Amino acid sequence: MIEQYLRRSPTLRGVVQLLDVRRDPTDDDLQMFDFLADVGVDTIVAVTKVDKLSATEAKKRVEALAAQLDLDEAQVIPFSAETGAGRHELAEAIVDLLATPAGEDAR
């Protein structure tokens, strides 16, 4: 059911995929990331819980996750619900995504 929605929704603009900065992506995370790319769904990658690590450790983990996903580091948004870090960047990315007409760009 979700797969059909992601493949065929005429109004879907994209997806925000959340990854914990302290963990490597699971096989399910990687499979979803690849699936979204295959069907052309724009994806924002938000790396959560950056407040749980030092700034240096968080930066290194974001770099490692970006490399693991074959993304430029600028495509990954470090985020913390506790401190609000990355809130503006994530909100801006979502607003930009919503401003794109459905069916345009990747699809």
C-alpha atoms as a PDB file:
ATOM      1  CA  MET A   1       0.000   0.000   0.000  1.00  0.00           C
ATOM      2  CA  ILE A   2       2.743   2.487   0.919  1.00  0.00           C
ATOM      3  CA  GLU A   3       4.787   1.421  -2.080  1.00  0.00           C
ATOM      4  CA  GLN A   4       1.874   2.154  -4.418  1.00  0.00           C
ATOM      5  CA  TYR A   5       1.359   5.565  -2.795  1.00  0.00           C
ATOM      6  CA  LEU A   6       5.033   6.445  -3.189  1.00  0.00           C
ATOM      7  CA  ARG A   7       5.005   5.287  -6.791  1.00  0.00           C
ATOM      8  CA  ARG A   8       1.728   6.823  -7.931  1.00  0.00           C
ATOM      9  CA  SER A   9       0.612   9.718  -5.750  1.00  0.00           C
ATOM     10  CA  PRO A  10      -0.047  12.726  -7.965  1.00  0.00           C
ATOM     11  CA  THR A  11       0.373  15.081  -5.003  1.00  0.00           C
ATOM     12  CA  LEU A  12       3.460  13.651  -3.275  1.00  0.00           C
ATOM     13  CA  ARG A  13       6.278  16.204  -3.239  1.00  0.00           C
ATOM     14  CA  GLY A  14       8.856  14.124  -1.410  1.00  0.00           C
ATOM     15  CA  VAL A  15       9.872  12.306   1.739  1.00  0.00           C
ATOM     16  CA  VAL A  16      11.967  13.183   4.778  1.00  0.00           C
ATOM     17  CA  GLN A  17      14.051  10.173   5.747  1.00  0.00           C
ATOM     18  CA  LEU A  18      15.300  10.249   9.337  1.00  0.00           C
ATOM     19  CA  LEU A  19      18.562   8.630  10.393  1.00  0.00           C
ATOM     20  CA  ASP A  20      20.013   8.541  13.916  1.00  0.00           C
ATOM     21  CA  VAL A  21      23.493  10.114  13.910  1.00  0.00           C
ATOM     22  CA  ARG A  22      24.700   7.513  16.419  1.00  0.00           C
ATOM     23  CA  ARG A  23      23.787   4.516  14.282  1.00  0.00           C
ATOM     24  CA  ASP A  24      24.737   3.218  10.873  1.00  0.00           C
ATOM     25  CA  PRO A  25      21.770   3.008   8.507  1.00  0.00           C
ATOM     26  CA  THR A  26      20.016  -0.329   8.745  1.00  0.00           C
ATOM     27  CA  ASP A  27      19.452  -2.508   5.704  1.00  0.00           C
ATOM     28  CA  ASP A  28      15.841  -1.255   5.756  1.00  0.00           C
ATOM     29  CA  ASP A  29      17.038   2.379   5.768  1.00  0.00           C
ATOM     30  CA  LEU A  30      19.300   1.723   2.791  1.00  0.00           C
ATOM     31  CA  GLN A  31      16.617  -0.223   0.956  1.00  0.00           C
ATOM     32  CA  MET A  32      14.132   2.642   1.439  1.00  0.00           C
ATOM     33  CA  PHE A  33      16.694   5.218   0.318  1.00  0.00           C
ATOM     34  CA  ASP A  34      17.414   3.203  -2.842  1.00  0.00           C
ATOM     35  CA  PHE A  35      13.703   2.600  -3.481  1.00  0.00           C
ATOM     36  CA  LEU A  36      12.907   6.317  -3.226  1.00  0.00           C
ATOM     37  CA  ALA A  37      15.715   7.099  -5.651  1.00  0.00           C
ATOM     38  CA  ASP A  38      14.559   4.378  -8.059  1.00  0.00           C
ATOM     39  CA  VAL A  39      10.992   5.689  -8.186  1.00  0.00           C
ATOM     40  CA  GLY A  40      12.154   9.294  -8.375  1.00  0.00           C
ATOM     41  CA  VAL A  41      10.811  10.576  -5.060  1.00  0.00           C
ATOM     42  CA  ASP A  42      12.733  13.612  -3.848  1.00  0.00           C
ATOM     43  CA  THR A  43      14.213  12.783  -0.460  1.00  0.00           C
ATOM     44  CA  ILE A  44      15.466  15.016   2.320  1.00  0.00           C
ATOM     45  CA  VAL A  45      17.832  13.168   4.649  1.00  0.00           C
ATOM     46  CA  ALA A  46      17.699  14.483   8.226  1.00  0.00           C
ATOM     47  CA  VAL A  47      20.251  13.096  10.658  1.00  0.00           C
ATOM     48  CA  THR A  48      18.700  13.286  14.099  1.00  0.00           C
ATOM     49  CA  LYS A  49      20.001  13.429  17.677  1.00  0.00           C
ATOM     50  CA  VAL A  50      23.126  15.435  16.832  1.00  0.00           C
ATOM     51  CA  ASP A  51      22.903  16.872  20.364  1.00  0.00           C
ATOM     52  CA  LYS A  52      23.888  13.447  21.734  1.00  0.00           C
ATOM     53  CA  LEU A  53      27.437  13.809  20.329  1.00  0.00           C
ATOM     54  CA  SER A  54      30.058  16.522  20.533  1.00  0.00           C
ATOM     55  CA  ALA A  55      30.066  18.942  17.601  1.00  0.00           C
ATOM     56  CA  THR A  56      33.221  17.298  16.239  1.00  0.00           C
ATOM     57  CA  GLU A  57      31.831  13.776  16.574  1.00  0.00           C
ATOM     58  CA  ALA A  58      28.497  14.797  15.027  1.00  0.00           C
ATOM     59  CA  LYS A  59      30.258  16.414  12.043  1.00  0.00           C
ATOM     60  CA  LYS A  60      32.339  13.277  11.470  1.00  0.00           C
ATOM     61  CA  ARG A  61      29.239  11.056  11.672  1.00  0.00           C
ATOM     62  CA  VAL A  62      27.285  13.273   9.251  1.00  0.00           C
ATOM     63  CA  GLU A  63      30.225  13.109   6.840  1.00  0.00           C
ATOM     64  CA  ALA A  64      30.376   9.322   7.198  1.00  0.00           C
ATOM     65  CA  LEU A  65      26.614   8.912   6.690  1.00  0.00           C
ATOM     66  CA  ALA A  66      26.686  11.173   3.629  1.00  0.00           C
ATOM     67  CA  ALA A  67      29.520   9.107   2.170  1.00  0.00           C
ATOM     68  CA  GLN A  68      27.709   5.863   2.957  1.00  0.00           C
ATOM     69  CA  LEU A  69      24.622   7.145   1.112  1.00  0.00           C
ATOM     70  CA  ASP A  70      26.748   8.549  -1.722  1.00  0.00           C
ATOM     71  CA  LEU A  71      25.483  12.068  -1.009  1.00  0.00           C
ATOM     72  CA  ASP A  72      27.235  15.387  -0.770  1.00  0.00           C
ATOM     73  CA  GLU A  73      27.412  16.453   2.871  1.00  0.00           C
ATOM     74  CA  ALA A  74      25.278  19.500   1.991  1.00  0.00           C
ATOM     75  CA  GLN A  75      22.414  17.112   1.119  1.00  0.00           C
ATOM     76  CA  VAL A  76      22.267  15.817   4.690  1.00  0.00           C
ATOM     77  CA  ILE A  77      20.687  17.998   7.375  1.00  0.00           C
ATOM     78  CA  PRO A  78      22.002  17.553  10.925  1.00  0.00           C
ATOM     79  CA  PHE A  79      19.065  18.001  13.307  1.00  0.00           C
ATOM     80  CA  SER A  80      18.243  17.997  17.017  1.00  0.00           C
ATOM     81  CA  ALA A  81      14.735  18.195  18.409  1.00  0.00           C
ATOM     82  CA  GLU A  82      16.265  18.884  21.843  1.00  0.00           C
ATOM     83  CA  THR A  83      18.319  21.952  20.921  1.00  0.00           C
ATOM     84  CA  GLY A  84      16.629  23.019  17.708  1.00  0.00           C
ATOM     85  CA  ALA A  85      19.884  22.680  15.751  1.00  0.00           C
ATOM     86  CA  GLY A  86      19.117  22.305  12.058  1.00  0.00           C
ATOM     87  CA  ARG A  87      15.463  23.295  12.516  1.00  0.00           C
ATOM     88  CA  HIS A  88      15.722  26.256  10.157  1.00  0.00           C
ATOM     89  CA  GLU A  89      17.608  24.257   7.508  1.00  0.00           C
ATOM     90  CA  LEU A  90      15.128  21.387   7.649  1.00  0.00           C
ATOM     91  CA  ALA A  91      12.131  23.727   7.507  1.00  0.00           C
ATOM     92  CA  GLU A  92      13.673  25.553   4.547  1.00  0.00           C
ATOM     93  CA  ALA A  93      14.310  22.277   2.705  1.00  0.00           C
ATOM     94  CA  ILE A  94      10.712  21.178   3.293  1.00  0.00           C
ATOM     95  CA  VAL A  95       9.307  24.534   2.144  1.00  0.00           C
ATOM     96  CA  ASP A  96      11.447  24.339  -1.007  1.00  0.00           C
ATOM     97  CA  LEU A  97      10.217  20.801  -1.621  1.00  0.00           C
ATOM     98  CA  LEU A  98       6.585  21.836  -1.165  1.00  0.00           C
ATOM     99  CA  ALA A  99       7.061  24.727  -3.580  1.00  0.00           C
ATOM    100  CA  THR A 100       7.928  22.275  -6.351  1.00  0.00           C
ATOM    101  CA  PRO A 101       4.821  21.309  -8.316  1.00  0.00           C
ATOM    102  CA  ALA A 102       3.877  17.639  -7.927  1.00  0.00           C
ATOM    103  CA  GLY A 103       5.280  15.468 -10.663  1.00  0.00           C
ATOM    104  CA  GLU A 104       8.080  17.919 -11.486  1.00  0.00           C
ATOM    105  CA  ASP A 105      11.858  17.417 -11.120  1.00  0.00           C
ATOM    106  CA  ALA A 106      12.725  13.845 -10.141  1.00  0.00           C
ATOM    107  CA  ARG A 107       9.424  12.411 -11.253  1.00  0.00           C
END
